[in-house]
Amino acid sequence: MQALLCHCCHLREIPSEKIEKLRTNMHKGVDTVCDHLQNNREDQVQLALIEMENLVTEDLLDVVDAHLQSNNQESTPLLLKDQEELRSEIRYRHQKPSGPDLETEDPVAQQPGETFWQKVCRWFQGMLHRLKQTWQKVWNWVKEKVAAFCSTMVDLWNIIESFFSSVAHWVSTSQAS
């Protein structure tokens, strides 16, 4: 896992403490779930999974935020409001008073005669599915912001080009006079 986190994409550009926090929270979450697995306590396993999912989601958002701040310091103040809206939207789903219901929000339906271990596996798969949905929301948000920035730059270039074309036209017509 560590090798995967260290060598992915551009993680070297993200402060190492953010990656370490993500890694630590994932390990703590798995340890907590495993502790509850020993007691075969479904309710405790569910709570531990919900807590781990919430921590990983927050850490994911912190990593994205740290990357934006370290690479886009000029535009970061402009994105703060948007980042907070994204965080609020994602937190709402993860931190509603009752938390996610692992039985009703799983992508795979409960099977009749399912064992405790099969349920736990399904819950983990559901958590991974929800984390992937969160990541997709973050990814779409970043693409939207980049697209908006690119559109603004094209508009700005068109204004500059139009202005200097007008000046060039004015100079060429003035010369003829």
N, C-alpha and C. Protein backbone atom coordinates (compact mmCIF):
# COMPACT_ATOMS: atom_id res chain seq x y z
N MET A 1 0.84 -1.20 0.00
CA MET A 1 0.00 0.00 0.00
C MET A 1 0.87 1.24 0.00
N GLN A 2 1.92 1.26 0.83
CA GLN A 2 2.78 2.44 0.93
C GLN A 2 3.43 2.73 -0.41
N ALA A 3 3.91 1.69 -1.08
CA ALA A 3 4.54 1.90 -2.39
C ALA A 3 3.53 2.49 -3.37
N LEU A 4 2.29 2.01 -3.30
CA LEU A 4 1.25 2.52 -4.18
C LEU A 4 1.00 4.00 -3.93
N LEU A 5 0.88 4.38 -2.67
CA LEU A 5 0.62 5.78 -2.34
C LEU A 5 1.81 6.68 -2.66
N CYS A 6 3.02 6.17 -2.55
CA CYS A 6 4.20 7.00 -2.78
C CYS A 6 4.49 7.21 -4.25
N HIS A 7 4.09 6.28 -5.08
CA HIS A 7 4.48 6.35 -6.48
C HIS A 7 3.37 6.77 -7.43
N CYS A 8 2.18 6.97 -6.91
CA CYS A 8 1.06 7.35 -7.78
C CYS A 8 1.24 8.77 -8.28
N CYS A 9 0.96 8.94 -9.55
CA CYS A 9 0.83 10.25 -10.20
C CYS A 9 1.82 11.28 -9.69
N HIS A 10 1.29 12.35 -9.15
CA HIS A 10 2.12 13.47 -8.72
C HIS A 10 2.05 13.65 -7.21
N LEU A 11 2.03 12.57 -6.47
CA LEU A 11 1.90 12.68 -5.02
C LEU A 11 3.12 13.34 -4.40
N ARG A 12 4.22 13.37 -5.12
CA ARG A 12 5.42 14.04 -4.59
C ARG A 12 5.16 15.53 -4.41
N GLU A 13 4.18 16.07 -5.14
CA GLU A 13 3.86 17.49 -5.06
C GLU A 13 2.96 17.82 -3.88
N ILE A 14 2.45 16.80 -3.21
CA ILE A 14 1.55 17.00 -2.08
C ILE A 14 2.38 16.87 -0.80
N PRO A 15 2.15 17.75 0.17
CA PRO A 15 2.91 17.64 1.42
C PRO A 15 2.82 16.23 2.00
N SER A 16 3.96 15.69 2.36
CA SER A 16 4.01 14.30 2.82
C SER A 16 3.16 14.06 4.05
N GLU A 17 2.97 15.09 4.89
CA GLU A 17 2.16 14.88 6.09
C GLU A 17 0.69 14.60 5.74
N LYS A 18 0.21 15.12 4.60
CA LYS A 18 -1.16 14.85 4.18
C LYS A 18 -1.30 13.39 3.73
N ILE A 19 -0.32 12.91 2.98
CA ILE A 19 -0.34 11.52 2.54
C ILE A 19 -0.18 10.60 3.75
N GLU A 20 0.69 10.96 4.66
CA GLU A 20 0.91 10.15 5.86
C GLU A 20 -0.36 10.10 6.71
N LYS A 21 -1.07 11.21 6.83
CA LYS A 21 -2.33 11.23 7.59
C LYS A 21 -3.35 10.31 6.95
N LEU A 22 -3.47 10.35 5.63
CA LEU A 22 -4.38 9.47 4.92
C LEU A 22 -4.00 8.01 5.18
N ARG A 23 -2.74 7.69 5.02
CA ARG A 23 -2.26 6.32 5.23
C ARG A 23 -2.52 5.87 6.67
N THR A 24 -2.20 6.72 7.63
CA THR A 24 -2.38 6.37 9.04
C THR A 24 -3.85 6.13 9.36
N ASN A 25 -4.73 7.01 8.88
CA ASN A 25 -6.15 6.85 9.15
C ASN A 25 -6.72 5.59 8.50
N MET A 26 -6.23 5.24 7.30
CA MET A 26 -6.69 4.00 6.67
C MET A 26 -6.27 2.80 7.51
N HIS A 27 -5.02 2.80 7.97
CA HIS A 27 -4.55 1.68 8.80
C HIS A 27 -5.30 1.61 10.12
N LYS A 28 -5.51 2.75 10.77
CA LYS A 28 -6.25 2.77 12.04
C LYS A 28 -7.67 2.25 11.83
N GLY A 29 -8.29 2.68 10.74
CA GLY A 29 -9.65 2.24 10.45
C GLY A 29 -9.72 0.74 10.27
N VAL A 30 -8.79 0.18 9.52
CA VAL A 30 -8.78 -1.27 9.31
C VAL A 30 -8.52 -1.98 10.64
N ASP A 31 -7.61 -1.46 11.45
CA ASP A 31 -7.34 -2.06 12.76
C ASP A 31 -8.59 -2.07 13.63
N THR A 32 -9.31 -0.95 13.64
CA THR A 32 -10.53 -0.86 14.44
C THR A 32 -11.58 -1.85 13.96
N VAL A 33 -11.77 -1.93 12.64
CA VAL A 33 -12.73 -2.89 12.09
C VAL A 33 -12.33 -4.30 12.48
N CYS A 34 -11.05 -4.62 12.35
CA CYS A 34 -10.57 -5.97 12.69
C CYS A 34 -10.79 -6.28 14.17
N ASP A 35 -10.60 -5.29 15.03
CA ASP A 35 -10.86 -5.50 16.46
C ASP A 35 -12.31 -5.89 16.69
N HIS A 36 -13.24 -5.24 15.99
CA HIS A 36 -14.66 -5.55 16.15
C HIS A 36 -15.04 -6.86 15.46
N LEU A 37 -14.30 -7.23 14.44
CA LEU A 37 -14.57 -8.50 13.76
C LEU A 37 -14.37 -9.68 14.71
N GLN A 38 -13.41 -9.55 15.59
CA GLN A 38 -13.13 -10.63 16.53
C GLN A 38 -14.33 -10.92 17.43
N ASN A 39 -15.14 -9.90 17.69
CA ASN A 39 -16.29 -10.06 18.58
C ASN A 39 -17.57 -10.40 17.82
N ASN A 40 -17.49 -10.46 16.48
CA ASN A 40 -18.67 -10.71 15.63
C ASN A 40 -19.81 -9.74 15.94
N ARG A 41 -19.50 -8.48 16.18
CA ARG A 41 -20.50 -7.47 16.50
C ARG A 41 -20.79 -6.66 15.23
N GLU A 42 -21.89 -6.97 14.57
CA GLU A 42 -22.24 -6.30 13.33
C GLU A 42 -22.36 -4.79 13.52
N ASP A 43 -23.04 -4.37 14.59
CA ASP A 43 -23.26 -2.93 14.80
C ASP A 43 -21.94 -2.19 14.99
N GLN A 44 -21.00 -2.80 15.70
CA GLN A 44 -19.70 -2.17 15.93
C GLN A 44 -18.86 -2.14 14.66
N VAL A 45 -18.95 -3.19 13.87
CA VAL A 45 -18.23 -3.23 12.59
C VAL A 45 -18.79 -2.14 11.67
N GLN A 46 -20.11 -2.01 11.62
CA GLN A 46 -20.73 -0.98 10.78
C GLN A 46 -20.28 0.41 11.21
N LEU A 47 -20.30 0.68 12.51
CA LEU A 47 -19.87 1.99 13.00
C LEU A 47 -18.41 2.26 12.67
N ALA A 48 -17.56 1.26 12.82
CA ALA A 48 -16.14 1.42 12.51
C ALA A 48 -15.94 1.69 11.02
N LEU A 49 -16.71 1.02 10.17
CA LEU A 49 -16.60 1.26 8.73
C LEU A 49 -17.07 2.66 8.37
N ILE A 50 -18.15 3.11 8.98
CA ILE A 50 -18.66 4.47 8.73
C ILE A 50 -17.62 5.50 9.15
N GLU A 51 -17.03 5.29 10.33
CA GLU A 51 -16.01 6.22 10.82
C GLU A 51 -14.80 6.22 9.89
N MET A 52 -14.36 5.04 9.45
CA MET A 52 -13.22 4.97 8.54
C MET A 52 -13.55 5.67 7.22
N GLU A 53 -14.74 5.46 6.70
CA GLU A 53 -15.14 6.10 5.44
C GLU A 53 -15.13 7.62 5.58
N ASN A 54 -15.65 8.12 6.70
CA ASN A 54 -15.66 9.57 6.93
C ASN A 54 -14.25 10.13 7.03
N LEU A 55 -13.35 9.43 7.75
CA LEU A 55 -11.97 9.90 7.87
C LEU A 55 -11.26 9.90 6.52
N VAL A 56 -11.44 8.84 5.77
CA VAL A 56 -10.78 8.75 4.45
C VAL A 56 -11.33 9.85 3.53
N THR A 57 -12.62 10.10 3.59
CA THR A 57 -13.21 11.15 2.76
C THR A 57 -12.62 12.51 3.12
N GLU A 58 -12.55 12.82 4.41
CA GLU A 58 -11.97 14.10 4.84
C GLU A 58 -10.50 14.20 4.43
N ASP A 59 -9.77 13.10 4.60
CA ASP A 59 -8.35 13.11 4.21
C ASP A 59 -8.20 13.28 2.71
N LEU A 60 -9.08 12.66 1.94
CA LEU A 60 -9.06 12.82 0.49
C LEU A 60 -9.24 14.29 0.13
N LEU A 61 -10.22 14.93 0.74
CA LEU A 61 -10.47 16.35 0.46
C LEU A 61 -9.29 17.21 0.91
N ASP A 62 -8.66 16.85 2.02
CA ASP A 62 -7.47 17.59 2.49
C ASP A 62 -6.31 17.45 1.51
N VAL A 63 -6.13 16.27 0.95
CA VAL A 63 -5.04 16.04 -0.01
C VAL A 63 -5.28 16.88 -1.27
N VAL A 64 -6.52 16.89 -1.76
CA VAL A 64 -6.84 17.70 -2.95
C VAL A 64 -6.61 19.17 -2.64
N ASP A 65 -7.07 19.61 -1.46
CA ASP A 65 -6.90 21.00 -1.06
C ASP A 65 -5.41 21.36 -0.97
N ALA A 66 -4.62 20.48 -0.37
CA ALA A 66 -3.17 20.75 -0.24
C ALA A 66 -2.51 20.83 -1.61
N HIS A 67 -2.94 19.96 -2.52
CA HIS A 67 -2.37 19.99 -3.87
C HIS A 67 -2.73 21.29 -4.58
N LEU A 68 -3.97 21.71 -4.45
CA LEU A 68 -4.38 22.97 -5.08
C LEU A 68 -3.59 24.14 -4.50
N GLN A 69 -3.42 24.15 -3.18
CA GLN A 69 -2.71 25.26 -2.54
C GLN A 69 -1.23 25.28 -2.92
N SER A 70 -0.63 24.11 -3.05
CA SER A 70 0.81 24.09 -3.36
C SER A 70 1.09 24.38 -4.83
N ASN A 71 0.12 24.11 -5.71
CA ASN A 71 0.36 24.29 -7.14
C ASN A 71 -0.36 25.48 -7.75
N ASN A 72 -1.33 26.01 -7.07
CA ASN A 72 -2.14 27.08 -7.63
C ASN A 72 -2.34 28.18 -6.60
N GLN A 73 -1.26 28.64 -6.02
CA GLN A 73 -1.38 29.61 -4.94
C GLN A 73 -2.10 30.88 -5.37
N GLU A 74 -1.95 31.26 -6.63
CA GLU A 74 -2.60 32.48 -7.10
C GLU A 74 -4.11 32.30 -7.17
N SER A 75 -4.56 31.12 -7.58
CA SER A 75 -6.00 30.93 -7.77
C SER A 75 -6.68 30.33 -6.55
N THR A 76 -5.92 29.88 -5.56
CA THR A 76 -6.51 29.25 -4.38
C THR A 76 -7.56 30.12 -3.71
N PRO A 77 -7.31 31.43 -3.49
CA PRO A 77 -8.37 32.23 -2.85
C PRO A 77 -9.66 32.25 -3.66
N LEU A 78 -9.55 32.19 -4.97
CA LEU A 78 -10.74 32.19 -5.82
C LEU A 78 -11.51 30.88 -5.70
N LEU A 79 -10.82 29.80 -5.38
CA LEU A 79 -11.46 28.49 -5.31
C LEU A 79 -11.96 28.14 -3.92
N LEU A 80 -11.63 28.93 -2.90
CA LEU A 80 -12.00 28.57 -1.54
C LEU A 80 -13.49 28.37 -1.37
N LYS A 81 -14.29 29.27 -1.91
CA LYS A 81 -15.74 29.15 -1.79
C LYS A 81 -16.21 27.87 -2.47
N ASP A 82 -15.70 27.60 -3.65
CA ASP A 82 -16.09 26.39 -4.38
C ASP A 82 -15.66 25.14 -3.62
N GLN A 83 -14.45 25.17 -3.04
CA GLN A 83 -13.97 24.02 -2.29
C GLN A 83 -14.87 23.76 -1.08
N GLU A 84 -15.28 24.81 -0.41
CA GLU A 84 -16.16 24.64 0.76
C GLU A 84 -17.51 24.08 0.34
N GLU A 85 -18.04 24.52 -0.81
CA GLU A 85 -19.30 23.97 -1.30
C GLU A 85 -19.16 22.49 -1.61
N LEU A 86 -18.05 22.11 -2.22
CA LEU A 86 -17.79 20.70 -2.52
C LEU A 86 -17.70 19.90 -1.23
N ARG A 87 -16.94 20.40 -0.25
CA ARG A 87 -16.81 19.71 1.03
C ARG A 87 -18.17 19.56 1.70
N SER A 88 -18.97 20.61 1.68
CA SER A 88 -20.29 20.55 2.33
C SER A 88 -21.17 19.50 1.67
N GLU A 89 -21.16 19.47 0.36
CA GLU A 89 -21.97 18.49 -0.37
C GLU A 89 -21.55 17.07 -0.02
N ILE A 90 -20.25 16.82 0.01
CA ILE A 90 -19.75 15.48 0.30
C ILE A 90 -19.96 15.13 1.77
N ARG A 91 -19.72 16.08 2.66
CA ARG A 91 -19.92 15.83 4.10
C ARG A 91 -21.38 15.53 4.41
N TYR A 92 -22.31 16.19 3.73
CA TYR A 92 -23.72 15.99 4.01
C TYR A 92 -24.08 14.51 3.90
N ARG A 93 -23.60 13.87 2.88
CA ARG A 93 -23.90 12.47 2.67
C ARG A 93 -23.23 11.59 3.71
N HIS A 94 -22.02 11.93 4.09
CA HIS A 94 -21.26 11.10 5.02
C HIS A 94 -21.56 11.38 6.48
N GLN A 95 -22.05 12.57 6.79
CA GLN A 95 -22.17 12.92 8.20
C GLN A 95 -23.59 13.29 8.61
N LYS A 96 -24.56 12.75 7.90
CA LYS A 96 -25.92 12.98 8.37
C LYS A 96 -26.04 12.28 9.72
N PRO A 97 -26.96 12.71 10.58
CA PRO A 97 -27.00 12.22 11.96
C PRO A 97 -26.92 10.70 12.09
N SER A 98 -27.59 9.97 11.23
CA SER A 98 -27.56 8.52 11.35
C SER A 98 -26.38 7.90 10.60
N GLY A 99 -25.69 8.70 9.79
CA GLY A 99 -24.60 8.17 8.98
C GLY A 99 -25.16 7.34 7.84
N PRO A 100 -24.28 6.83 6.98
CA PRO A 100 -24.79 6.00 5.89
C PRO A 100 -25.33 4.69 6.46
N ASP A 101 -26.37 4.16 5.85
CA ASP A 101 -26.93 2.88 6.24
C ASP A 101 -26.27 1.84 5.35
N LEU A 102 -25.41 1.03 5.94
CA LEU A 102 -24.64 0.10 5.14
C LEU A 102 -25.52 -0.97 4.49
N GLU A 103 -26.68 -1.22 5.05
CA GLU A 103 -27.56 -2.22 4.45
C GLU A 103 -28.30 -1.67 3.24
N THR A 104 -28.77 -0.41 3.30
CA THR A 104 -29.58 0.13 2.21
C THR A 104 -28.74 0.84 1.16
N GLU A 105 -27.51 1.26 1.49
CA GLU A 105 -26.70 2.01 0.55
C GLU A 105 -25.64 1.17 -0.15
N ASP A 106 -25.65 -0.13 0.09
CA ASP A 106 -24.68 -0.98 -0.58
C ASP A 106 -25.09 -1.22 -2.02
N PRO A 107 -24.09 -1.24 -2.95
CA PRO A 107 -24.42 -1.48 -4.35
C PRO A 107 -24.84 -2.94 -4.57
N VAL A 108 -24.47 -3.85 -3.66
CA VAL A 108 -24.80 -5.26 -3.79
C VAL A 108 -25.83 -5.59 -2.71
N ALA A 109 -26.94 -6.18 -3.12
CA ALA A 109 -28.01 -6.50 -2.18
C ALA A 109 -27.61 -7.66 -1.27
N GLN A 110 -28.19 -7.63 -0.07
CA GLN A 110 -27.93 -8.70 0.89
C GLN A 110 -28.51 -10.01 0.34
N GLN A 111 -27.76 -11.06 0.49
CA GLN A 111 -28.19 -12.37 0.01
C GLN A 111 -28.81 -13.17 1.16
N PRO A 112 -29.84 -13.95 0.89
CA PRO A 112 -30.42 -14.78 1.95
C PRO A 112 -29.36 -15.77 2.46
N GLY A 113 -29.32 -15.95 3.76
CA GLY A 113 -28.36 -16.89 4.36
C GLY A 113 -26.93 -16.38 4.37
N GLU A 114 -26.76 -15.08 4.17
CA GLU A 114 -25.43 -14.48 4.12
C GLU A 114 -24.75 -14.61 5.49
N THR A 115 -23.50 -15.01 5.49
CA THR A 115 -22.76 -15.13 6.75
C THR A 115 -22.27 -13.76 7.21
N PHE A 116 -21.84 -13.70 8.45
CA PHE A 116 -21.29 -12.47 9.01
C PHE A 116 -20.13 -11.97 8.14
N TRP A 117 -19.24 -12.86 7.74
CA TRP A 117 -18.06 -12.47 6.96
C TRP A 117 -18.46 -12.00 5.56
N GLN A 118 -19.48 -12.59 4.99
CA GLN A 118 -19.97 -12.15 3.68
C GLN A 118 -20.57 -10.74 3.78
N LYS A 119 -21.29 -10.48 4.89
CA LYS A 119 -21.83 -9.13 5.11
C LYS A 119 -20.70 -8.12 5.21
N VAL A 120 -19.67 -8.45 5.99
CA VAL A 120 -18.55 -7.52 6.17
C VAL A 120 -17.87 -7.26 4.83
N CYS A 121 -17.69 -8.29 4.05
CA CYS A 121 -17.09 -8.12 2.72
C CYS A 121 -17.97 -7.20 1.86
N ARG A 122 -19.28 -7.40 1.90
CA ARG A 122 -20.20 -6.57 1.14
C ARG A 122 -20.14 -5.13 1.64
N TRP A 123 -20.05 -4.95 2.96
CA TRP A 123 -19.96 -3.59 3.51
C TRP A 123 -18.69 -2.89 3.05
N PHE A 124 -17.57 -3.64 3.04
CA PHE A 124 -16.32 -3.06 2.55
C PHE A 124 -16.45 -2.67 1.08
N GLN A 125 -17.07 -3.54 0.29
CA GLN A 125 -17.27 -3.22 -1.12
C GLN A 125 -18.16 -2.00 -1.29
N GLY A 126 -19.18 -1.89 -0.45
CA GLY A 126 -20.05 -0.72 -0.49
C GLY A 126 -19.31 0.55 -0.13
N MET A 127 -18.45 0.45 0.90
CA MET A 127 -17.65 1.61 1.30
C MET A 127 -16.74 2.03 0.15
N LEU A 128 -16.09 1.06 -0.48
CA LEU A 128 -15.22 1.37 -1.61
C LEU A 128 -16.01 2.03 -2.73
N HIS A 129 -17.21 1.53 -2.99
CA HIS A 129 -18.08 2.12 -4.01
C HIS A 129 -18.41 3.58 -3.68
N ARG A 130 -18.76 3.85 -2.41
CA ARG A 130 -19.09 5.22 -2.01
C ARG A 130 -17.87 6.13 -2.07
N LEU A 131 -16.70 5.61 -1.67
CA LEU A 131 -15.46 6.40 -1.78
C LEU A 131 -15.16 6.72 -3.24
N LYS A 132 -15.41 5.76 -4.11
CA LYS A 132 -15.20 5.99 -5.54
C LYS A 132 -16.15 7.08 -6.05
N GLN A 133 -17.40 7.07 -5.58
CA GLN A 133 -18.35 8.11 -5.97
C GLN A 133 -17.86 9.48 -5.48
N THR A 134 -17.33 9.52 -4.27
CA THR A 134 -16.79 10.77 -3.73
C THR A 134 -15.63 11.23 -4.59
N TRP A 135 -14.72 10.33 -4.91
CA TRP A 135 -13.58 10.67 -5.75
C TRP A 135 -14.06 11.19 -7.10
N GLN A 136 -15.10 10.57 -7.66
CA GLN A 136 -15.63 11.01 -8.95
C GLN A 136 -16.18 12.43 -8.84
N LYS A 137 -16.86 12.76 -7.73
CA LYS A 137 -17.36 14.12 -7.53
C LYS A 137 -16.20 15.11 -7.48
N VAL A 138 -15.15 14.74 -6.75
CA VAL A 138 -13.98 15.62 -6.66
C VAL A 138 -13.36 15.78 -8.04
N TRP A 139 -13.20 14.68 -8.76
CA TRP A 139 -12.61 14.70 -10.10
C TRP A 139 -13.42 15.60 -11.03
N ASN A 140 -14.75 15.44 -11.00
CA ASN A 140 -15.62 16.27 -11.85
C ASN A 140 -15.51 17.74 -11.47
N TRP A 141 -15.41 18.02 -10.17
CA TRP A 141 -15.27 19.41 -9.70
C TRP A 141 -13.98 20.02 -10.25
N VAL A 142 -12.89 19.26 -10.16
CA VAL A 142 -11.60 19.76 -10.67
C VAL A 142 -11.69 20.00 -12.18
N LYS A 143 -12.26 19.06 -12.91
CA LYS A 143 -12.41 19.23 -14.37
C LYS A 143 -13.25 20.46 -14.69
N GLU A 144 -14.31 20.68 -13.92
CA GLU A 144 -15.17 21.84 -14.14
C GLU A 144 -14.39 23.14 -13.92
N LYS A 145 -13.60 23.18 -12.85
CA LYS A 145 -12.83 24.39 -12.55
C LYS A 145 -11.77 24.64 -13.62
N VAL A 146 -11.13 23.58 -14.08
CA VAL A 146 -10.12 23.73 -15.12
C VAL A 146 -10.79 24.18 -16.42
N ALA A 147 -11.93 23.60 -16.74
CA ALA A 147 -12.64 23.99 -17.97
C ALA A 147 -13.06 25.45 -17.90
N ALA A 148 -13.55 25.88 -16.74
CA ALA A 148 -13.97 27.28 -16.58
C ALA A 148 -12.76 28.21 -16.73
N PHE A 149 -11.64 27.82 -16.15
CA PHE A 149 -10.42 28.62 -16.26
C PHE A 149 -9.97 28.70 -17.72
N CYS A 150 -9.98 27.57 -18.41
CA CYS A 150 -9.57 27.56 -19.82
C CYS A 150 -10.50 28.43 -20.67
N SER A 151 -11.78 28.35 -20.40
CA SER A 151 -12.74 29.18 -21.12
C SER A 151 -12.47 30.66 -20.87
N THR A 152 -12.18 31.00 -19.63
CA THR A 152 -11.86 32.39 -19.30
C THR A 152 -10.60 32.84 -20.03
N MET A 153 -9.61 31.99 -20.10
CA MET A 153 -8.36 32.34 -20.79
C MET A 153 -8.61 32.54 -22.28
N VAL A 154 -9.45 31.71 -22.89
CA VAL A 154 -9.79 31.87 -24.30
C VAL A 154 -10.51 33.20 -24.51
N ASP A 155 -11.47 33.51 -23.64
CA ASP A 155 -12.19 34.78 -23.74
C ASP A 155 -11.23 35.96 -23.59
N LEU A 156 -10.32 35.86 -22.65
CA LEU A 156 -9.34 36.92 -22.43
C LEU A 156 -8.47 37.09 -23.67
N TRP A 157 -8.01 35.99 -24.24
CA TRP A 157 -7.20 36.07 -25.45
C TRP A 157 -7.98 36.71 -26.59
N ASN A 158 -9.25 36.36 -26.73
CA ASN A 158 -10.08 36.95 -27.79
C ASN A 158 -10.20 38.46 -27.62
N ILE A 159 -10.33 38.94 -26.40
CA ILE A 159 -10.39 40.38 -26.14
C ILE A 159 -9.07 41.05 -26.53
N ILE A 160 -7.96 40.44 -26.12
CA ILE A 160 -6.64 40.99 -26.44
C ILE A 160 -6.43 41.01 -27.95
N GLU A 161 -6.75 39.89 -28.59
CA GLU A 161 -6.57 39.79 -30.04
C GLU A 161 -7.44 40.80 -30.77
N SER A 162 -8.69 40.94 -30.35
CA SER A 162 -9.60 41.89 -30.97
C SER A 162 -9.08 43.32 -30.82
N PHE A 163 -8.61 43.65 -29.61
CA PHE A 163 -8.10 44.99 -29.36
C PHE A 163 -6.91 45.31 -30.27
N PHE A 164 -5.92 44.39 -30.31
CA PHE A 164 -4.74 44.67 -31.11
C PHE A 164 -5.02 44.58 -32.61
N SER A 165 -5.99 43.78 -33.00
CA SER A 165 -6.39 43.77 -34.42
C SER A 165 -7.01 45.11 -34.79
N SER A 166 -7.84 45.65 -33.89
CA SER A 166 -8.44 46.97 -34.13
C SER A 166 -7.36 48.04 -34.21
N VAL A 167 -6.39 47.96 -33.31
CA VAL A 167 -5.29 48.93 -33.34
C VAL A 167 -4.51 48.79 -34.65
N ALA A 168 -4.22 47.56 -35.05
CA ALA A 168 -3.49 47.34 -36.30
C ALA A 168 -4.29 47.87 -37.49
N HIS A 169 -5.60 47.63 -37.49
CA HIS A 169 -6.45 48.14 -38.56
C HIS A 169 -6.43 49.68 -38.57
N TRP A 170 -6.53 50.28 -37.42
CA TRP A 170 -6.51 51.74 -37.31
C TRP A 170 -5.19 52.30 -37.82
N VAL A 171 -4.08 51.64 -37.43
CA VAL A 171 -2.76 52.09 -37.91
C VAL A 171 -2.68 51.97 -39.41
N SER A 172 -3.15 50.86 -39.98
CA SER A 172 -3.05 50.67 -41.45
C SER A 172 -3.94 51.67 -42.19
N THR A 173 -5.11 51.99 -41.66
CA THR A 173 -5.97 52.98 -42.34
C THR A 173 -5.46 54.39 -42.13
N SER A 174 -4.79 54.64 -41.03
CA SER A 174 -4.23 55.97 -40.78
C SER A 174 -3.06 56.23 -41.71
N GLN A 175 -2.32 55.21 -42.03
CA GLN A 175 -1.16 55.33 -42.92
C GLN A 175 -1.61 55.70 -44.32
N ALA A 176 -2.73 55.16 -44.71
CA ALA A 176 -3.22 55.40 -46.06
C ALA A 176 -3.71 56.84 -46.22
N SER A 177 -4.07 57.48 -45.14
CA SER A 177 -4.62 58.84 -45.23
C SER A 177 -3.58 59.87 -45.44
